[in-house]
């Protein structure tokens, strides 16, 4: 997911995206704990996407002030 794509979304859409990413992260951690995780690189990309969404939400909040 590109940062530019995220900047075009509204804060509500970003919050929905963040919730989905956190849910996916939980599921991936659960799969890893049970030994069912096949694509370990997906954990890294989800974590980075989560950080991108949080960063852009923060930037938007600061720019509104």
PDB file of N, CA and C in Angstrom:
ATOM      1  N   UNK A   1       0.853  -1.172   0.000  1.00  0.00           N
ATOM      2  CA  UNK A   1       0.000   0.000   0.000  1.00  0.00           C
ATOM      3  C   UNK A   1       0.901   1.238   0.000  1.00  0.00           C
ATOM      4  N   UNK A   2       0.629   2.128  -0.897  1.00  0.00           N
ATOM      5  CA  UNK A   2       1.435   3.333  -1.051  1.00  0.00           C
ATOM      6  C   UNK A   2       0.896   4.440  -0.145  1.00  0.00           C
ATOM      7  N   UNK A   3       1.802   5.278   0.328  1.00  0.00           N
ATOM      8  CA  UNK A   3       1.415   6.385   1.188  1.00  0.00           C
ATOM      9  C   UNK A   3       0.533   7.378   0.435  1.00  0.00           C
ATOM     10  N   UNK A   4       0.807   7.563  -0.845  1.00  0.00           N
ATOM     11  CA  UNK A   4       0.008   8.500  -1.636  1.00  0.00           C
ATOM     12  C   UNK A   4      -1.445   8.035  -1.730  1.00  0.00           C
ATOM     13  N   UNK A   5      -1.653   6.734  -1.856  1.00  0.00           N
ATOM     14  CA  UNK A   5      -3.014   6.191  -1.895  1.00  0.00           C
ATOM     15  C   UNK A   5      -3.727   6.468  -0.584  1.00  0.00           C
ATOM     16  N   UNK A   6      -3.001   6.365   0.512  1.00  0.00           N
ATOM     17  CA  UNK A   6      -3.606   6.582   1.827  1.00  0.00           C
ATOM     18  C   UNK A   6      -3.940   8.049   2.049  1.00  0.00           C
ATOM     19  N   UNK A   7      -3.120   8.940   1.517  1.00  0.00           N
ATOM     20  CA  UNK A   7      -3.376  10.375   1.706  1.00  0.00           C
ATOM     21  C   UNK A   7      -4.655  10.822   1.013  1.00  0.00           C
ATOM     22  N   UNK A   8      -5.076  10.066   0.001  1.00  0.00           N
ATOM     23  CA  UNK A   8      -6.286  10.423  -0.729  1.00  0.00           C
ATOM     24  C   UNK A   8      -7.553   9.983   0.001  1.00  0.00           C
ATOM     25  N   UNK A   9      -7.402   9.166   1.035  1.00  0.00           N
ATOM     26  CA  UNK A   9      -8.566   8.667   1.768  1.00  0.00           C
ATOM     27  C   UNK A   9      -8.957   9.629   2.878  1.00  0.00           C
ATOM     28  N   UNK A  10     -10.213   9.527   3.294  1.00  0.00           N
ATOM     29  CA  UNK A  10     -10.703  10.346   4.400  1.00  0.00           C
ATOM     30  C   UNK A  10     -10.248   9.723   5.720  1.00  0.00           C
ATOM     31  N   UNK A  11     -10.260  10.501   6.795  1.00  0.00           N
ATOM     32  CA  UNK A  11      -9.875   9.939   8.099  1.00  0.00           C
ATOM     33  C   UNK A  11     -10.732   8.748   8.522  1.00  0.00           C
ATOM     34  N   UNK A  12     -12.020   8.769   8.184  1.00  0.00           N
ATOM     35  CA  UNK A  12     -12.878   7.632   8.525  1.00  0.00           C
ATOM     36  C   UNK A  12     -12.456   6.376   7.768  1.00  0.00           C
ATOM     37  N   UNK A  13     -12.114   6.528   6.500  1.00  0.00           N
ATOM     38  CA  UNK A  13     -11.646   5.392   5.721  1.00  0.00           C
ATOM     39  C   UNK A  13     -10.326   4.869   6.272  1.00  0.00           C
ATOM     40  N   UNK A  14      -9.463   5.784   6.716  1.00  0.00           N
ATOM     41  CA  UNK A  14      -8.179   5.376   7.289  1.00  0.00           C
ATOM     42  C   UNK A  14      -8.381   4.607   8.590  1.00  0.00           C
ATOM     43  N   UNK A  15      -9.338   5.038   9.388  1.00  0.00           N
ATOM     44  CA  UNK A  15      -9.613   4.328  10.644  1.00  0.00           C
ATOM     45  C   UNK A  15     -10.152   2.923  10.374  1.00  0.00           C
ATOM     46  N   UNK A  16     -10.989   2.803   9.343  1.00  0.00           N
ATOM     47  CA  UNK A  16     -11.491   1.480   8.957  1.00  0.00           C
ATOM     48  C   UNK A  16     -10.340   0.593   8.483  1.00  0.00           C
ATOM     49  N   UNK A  17      -9.436   1.178   7.702  1.00  0.00           N
ATOM     50  CA  UNK A  17      -8.270   0.447   7.211  1.00  0.00           C
ATOM     51  C   UNK A  17      -7.395   0.008   8.382  1.00  0.00           C
ATOM     52  N   UNK A  18      -7.236   0.890   9.352  1.00  0.00           N
ATOM     53  CA  UNK A  18      -6.431   0.574  10.526  1.00  0.00           C
ATOM     54  C   UNK A  18      -7.044  -0.582  11.314  1.00  0.00           C
ATOM     55  N   UNK A  19      -8.338  -0.567  11.481  1.00  0.00           N
ATOM     56  CA  UNK A  19      -9.012  -1.653  12.193  1.00  0.00           C
ATOM     57  C   UNK A  19      -8.828  -2.981  11.466  1.00  0.00           C
ATOM     58  N   UNK A  20      -8.937  -2.948  10.151  1.00  0.00           N
ATOM     59  CA  UNK A  20      -8.753  -4.173   9.361  1.00  0.00           C
ATOM     60  C   UNK A  20      -7.324  -4.693   9.474  1.00  0.00           C
ATOM     61  N   UNK A  21      -6.363  -3.781   9.454  1.00  0.00           N
ATOM     62  CA  UNK A  21      -4.961  -4.191   9.573  1.00  0.00           C
ATOM     63  C   UNK A  21      -4.662  -4.778  10.948  1.00  0.00           C
ATOM     64  N   UNK A  22      -5.224  -4.191  11.981  1.00  0.00           N
ATOM     65  CA  UNK A  22      -4.999  -4.720  13.331  1.00  0.00           C
ATOM     66  C   UNK A  22      -5.630  -6.096  13.487  1.00  0.00           C
ATOM     67  N   UNK A  23      -6.782  -6.283  12.879  1.00  0.00           N
ATOM     68  CA  UNK A  23      -7.441  -7.583  12.933  1.00  0.00           C
ATOM     69  C   UNK A  23      -6.601  -8.628  12.187  1.00  0.00           C
ATOM     70  N   UNK A  24      -6.081  -8.249  11.033  1.00  0.00           N
ATOM     71  CA  UNK A  24      -5.238  -9.161  10.271  1.00  0.00           C
ATOM     72  C   UNK A  24      -3.957  -9.481  11.036  1.00  0.00           C
ATOM     73  N   UNK A  25      -3.397  -8.481  11.696  1.00  0.00           N
ATOM     74  CA  UNK A  25      -2.185  -8.692  12.486  1.00  0.00           C
ATOM     75  C   UNK A  25      -2.437  -9.693  13.611  1.00  0.00           C
ATOM     76  N   UNK A  26      -3.579  -9.557  14.262  1.00  0.00           N
ATOM     77  CA  UNK A  26      -3.929 -10.498  15.322  1.00  0.00           C
ATOM     78  C   UNK A  26      -4.036 -11.914  14.779  1.00  0.00           C
ATOM     79  N   UNK A  27      -4.715 -12.048  13.637  1.00  0.00           N
ATOM     80  CA  UNK A  27      -4.883 -13.367  13.034  1.00  0.00           C
ATOM     81  C   UNK A  27      -3.547 -13.970  12.618  1.00  0.00           C
ATOM     82  N   UNK A  28      -2.658 -13.142  12.090  1.00  0.00           N
ATOM     83  CA  UNK A  28      -1.339 -13.637  11.698  1.00  0.00           C
ATOM     84  C   UNK A  28      -0.532 -14.093  12.909  1.00  0.00           C
ATOM     85  N   UNK A  29      -0.608 -13.321  13.997  1.00  0.00           N
ATOM     86  CA  UNK A  29       0.104 -13.732  15.218  1.00  0.00           C
ATOM     87  C   UNK A  29      -0.453 -15.040  15.762  1.00  0.00           C
ATOM     88  N   UNK A  30      -1.753 -15.204  15.675  1.00  0.00           N
ATOM     89  CA  UNK A  30      -2.381 -16.435  16.147  1.00  0.00           C
ATOM     90  C   UNK A  30      -1.942 -17.619  15.290  1.00  0.00           C
ATOM     91  N   UNK A  31      -1.897 -17.413  13.977  1.00  0.00           N
ATOM     92  CA  UNK A  31      -1.445 -18.475  13.082  1.00  0.00           C
ATOM     93  C   UNK A  31       0.014 -18.844  13.353  1.00  0.00           C
ATOM     94  N   UNK A  32       0.824 -17.833  13.638  1.00  0.00           N
ATOM     95  CA  UNK A  32       2.230 -18.109  13.918  1.00  0.00           C
ATOM     96  C   UNK A  32       2.381 -18.923  15.202  1.00  0.00           C
ATOM     97  N   UNK A  33       1.591 -18.595  16.189  1.00  0.00           N
ATOM     98  CA  UNK A  33       1.678 -19.299  17.467  1.00  0.00           C
ATOM     99  C   UNK A  33       1.254 -20.755  17.342  1.00  0.00           C
ATOM    100  N   UNK A  34       0.325 -21.024  16.438  1.00  0.00           N
ATOM    101  CA  UNK A  34      -0.140 -22.397  16.263  1.00  0.00           C
ATOM    102  C   UNK A  34       0.627 -23.143  15.170  1.00  0.00           C
ATOM    103  N   UNK A  35       1.579 -22.468  14.548  1.00  0.00           N
ATOM    104  CA  UNK A  35       2.392 -23.114  13.528  1.00  0.00           C
ATOM    105  C   UNK A  35       1.732 -23.223  12.174  1.00  0.00           C
ATOM    106  N   UNK A  36       0.700 -22.444  11.925  1.00  0.00           N
ATOM    107  CA  UNK A  36      -0.031 -22.525  10.660  1.00  0.00           C
ATOM    108  C   UNK A  36       0.352 -21.424   9.682  1.00  0.00           C
ATOM    109  N   UNK A  37       1.195 -20.507  10.094  1.00  0.00           N
ATOM    110  CA  UNK A  37       1.546 -19.371   9.246  1.00  0.00           C
ATOM    111  C   UNK A  37       2.499 -19.812   8.145  1.00  0.00           C
ATOM    112  N   UNK A  38       2.102 -19.574   6.891  1.00  0.00           N
ATOM    113  CA  UNK A  38       2.938 -19.965   5.764  1.00  0.00           C
ATOM    114  C   UNK A  38       3.754 -18.792   5.234  1.00  0.00           C
ATOM    115  N   UNK A  39       3.146 -17.618   5.155  1.00  0.00           N
ATOM    116  CA  UNK A  39       3.823 -16.457   4.597  1.00  0.00           C
ATOM    117  C   UNK A  39       4.230 -15.518   5.734  1.00  0.00           C
ATOM    118  N   UNK A  40       5.423 -15.700   6.256  1.00  0.00           N
ATOM    119  CA  UNK A  40       5.874 -14.899   7.394  1.00  0.00           C
ATOM    120  C   UNK A  40       6.146 -13.450   7.002  1.00  0.00           C
ATOM    121  N   UNK A  41       6.421 -13.198   5.741  1.00  0.00           N
ATOM    122  CA  UNK A  41       6.685 -11.830   5.291  1.00  0.00           C
ATOM    123  C   UNK A  41       5.434 -10.961   5.392  1.00  0.00           C
ATOM    124  N   UNK A  42       4.268 -11.584   5.388  1.00  0.00           N
ATOM    125  CA  UNK A  42       3.021 -10.824   5.468  1.00  0.00           C
ATOM    126  C   UNK A  42       2.925 -10.069   6.799  1.00  0.00           C
ATOM    127  N   UNK A  43       3.489 -10.632   7.862  1.00  0.00           N
ATOM    128  CA  UNK A  43       3.459  -9.960   9.159  1.00  0.00           C
ATOM    129  C   UNK A  43       4.189  -8.619   9.072  1.00  0.00           C
ATOM    130  N   UNK A  44       5.309  -8.629   8.385  1.00  0.00           N
ATOM    131  CA  UNK A  44       6.105  -7.407   8.253  1.00  0.00           C
ATOM    132  C   UNK A  44       5.357  -6.348   7.455  1.00  0.00           C
ATOM    133  N   UNK A  45       4.734  -6.747   6.355  1.00  0.00           N
ATOM    134  CA  UNK A  45       4.024  -5.772   5.534  1.00  0.00           C
ATOM    135  C   UNK A  45       2.799  -5.207   6.257  1.00  0.00           C
ATOM    136  N   UNK A  46       2.122  -6.041   7.027  1.00  0.00           N
ATOM    137  CA  UNK A  46       0.958  -5.555   7.779  1.00  0.00           C
ATOM    138  C   UNK A  46       1.399  -4.556   8.842  1.00  0.00           C
ATOM    139  N   UNK A  47       2.493  -4.862   9.501  1.00  0.00           N
ATOM    140  CA  UNK A  47       3.006  -3.955  10.532  1.00  0.00           C
ATOM    141  C   UNK A  47       3.404  -2.603   9.930  1.00  0.00           C
ATOM    142  N   UNK A  48       4.039  -2.636   8.782  1.00  0.00           N
ATOM    143  CA  UNK A  48       4.453  -1.392   8.129  1.00  0.00           C
ATOM    144  C   UNK A  48       3.259  -0.607   7.594  1.00  0.00           C
ATOM    145  N   UNK A  49       2.273  -1.311   7.057  1.00  0.00           N
ATOM    146  CA  UNK A  49       1.070  -0.635   6.584  1.00  0.00           C
ATOM    147  C   UNK A  49       0.337   0.034   7.746  1.00  0.00           C
ATOM    148  N   UNK A  50       0.305  -0.643   8.889  1.00  0.00           N
ATOM    149  CA  UNK A  50      -0.318  -0.068  10.080  1.00  0.00           C
ATOM    150  C   UNK A  50       0.397   1.224  10.471  1.00  0.00           C
ATOM    151  N   UNK A  51       1.712   1.201  10.447  1.00  0.00           N
ATOM    152  CA  UNK A  51       2.498   2.388  10.795  1.00  0.00           C
ATOM    153  C   UNK A  51       2.232   3.519   9.805  1.00  0.00           C
ATOM    154  N   UNK A  52       2.108   3.184   8.519  1.00  0.00           N
ATOM    155  CA  UNK A  52       1.814   4.208   7.511  1.00  0.00           C
ATOM    156  C   UNK A  52       0.461   4.869   7.773  1.00  0.00           C
ATOM    157  N   UNK A  53      -0.532   4.059   8.054  1.00  0.00           N
ATOM    158  CA  UNK A  53      -1.870   4.603   8.310  1.00  0.00           C
ATOM    159  C   UNK A  53      -1.850   5.504   9.538  1.00  0.00           C
ATOM    160  N   UNK A  54      -1.195   5.064  10.596  1.00  0.00           N
ATOM    161  CA  UNK A  54      -1.120   5.884  11.814  1.00  0.00           C
ATOM    162  C   UNK A  54      -0.377   7.190  11.557  1.00  0.00           C
ATOM    163  N   UNK A  55       0.687   7.140  10.783  1.00  0.00           N
ATOM    164  CA  UNK A  55       1.454   8.344  10.462  1.00  0.00           C
ATOM    165  C   UNK A  55       0.613   9.338   9.687  1.00  0.00           C
ATOM    166  N   UNK A  56      -0.115   8.855   8.705  1.00  0.00           N
ATOM    167  CA  UNK A  56      -0.922   9.749   7.882  1.00  0.00           C
ATOM    168  C   UNK A  56      -2.091  10.322   8.676  1.00  0.00           C
ATOM    169  N   UNK A  57      -2.683   9.505   9.563  1.00  0.00           N
ATOM    170  CA  UNK A  57      -3.738  10.040  10.432  1.00  0.00           C
ATOM    171  C   UNK A  57      -3.200  11.163  11.316  1.00  0.00           C
ATOM    172  N   UNK A  58      -2.003  10.969  11.851  1.00  0.00           N
ATOM    173  CA  UNK A  58      -1.383  11.993  12.696  1.00  0.00           C
ATOM    174  C   UNK A  58      -1.083  13.249  11.887  1.00  0.00           C
ATOM    175  N   UNK A  59      -0.554  13.079  10.696  1.00  0.00           N
ATOM    176  CA  UNK A  59      -0.248  14.244   9.837  1.00  0.00           C
ATOM    177  C   UNK A  59      -1.507  15.018   9.504  1.00  0.00           C
ATOM    178  N   UNK A  60      -2.581  14.310   9.210  1.00  0.00           N
ATOM    179  CA  UNK A  60      -3.839  14.990   8.897  1.00  0.00           C
ATOM    180  C   UNK A  60      -4.382  15.734  10.109  1.00  0.00           C
ATOM    181  N   UNK A  61      -4.235  15.145  11.280  1.00  0.00           N
ATOM    182  CA  UNK A  61      -4.727  15.787  12.503  1.00  0.00           C
ATOM    183  C   UNK A  61      -3.927  17.061  12.785  1.00  0.00           C
ATOM    184  N   UNK A  62      -2.632  17.014  12.579  1.00  0.00           N
ATOM    185  CA  UNK A  62      -1.787  18.184  12.828  1.00  0.00           C
ATOM    186  C   UNK A  62      -2.077  19.283  11.818  1.00  0.00           C
ATOM    187  N   UNK A  63      -2.304  18.905  10.575  1.00  0.00           N
ATOM    188  CA  UNK A  63      -2.551  19.910   9.533  1.00  0.00           C
ATOM    189  C   UNK A  63      -3.897  20.605   9.722  1.00  0.00           C
ATOM    190  N   UNK A  64      -4.832  19.964  10.406  1.00  0.00           N
ATOM    191  CA  UNK A  64      -6.143  20.573  10.646  1.00  0.00           C
ATOM    192  C   UNK A  64      -6.083  21.650  11.722  1.00  0.00           C
ATOM    193  N   UNK A  65      -5.091  21.583  12.576  1.00  0.00           N
ATOM    194  CA  UNK A  65      -5.003  22.544  13.699  1.00  0.00           C
ATOM    195  C   UNK A  65      -4.581  23.912  13.249  1.00  0.00           C
TER     196      UNK A  65
END
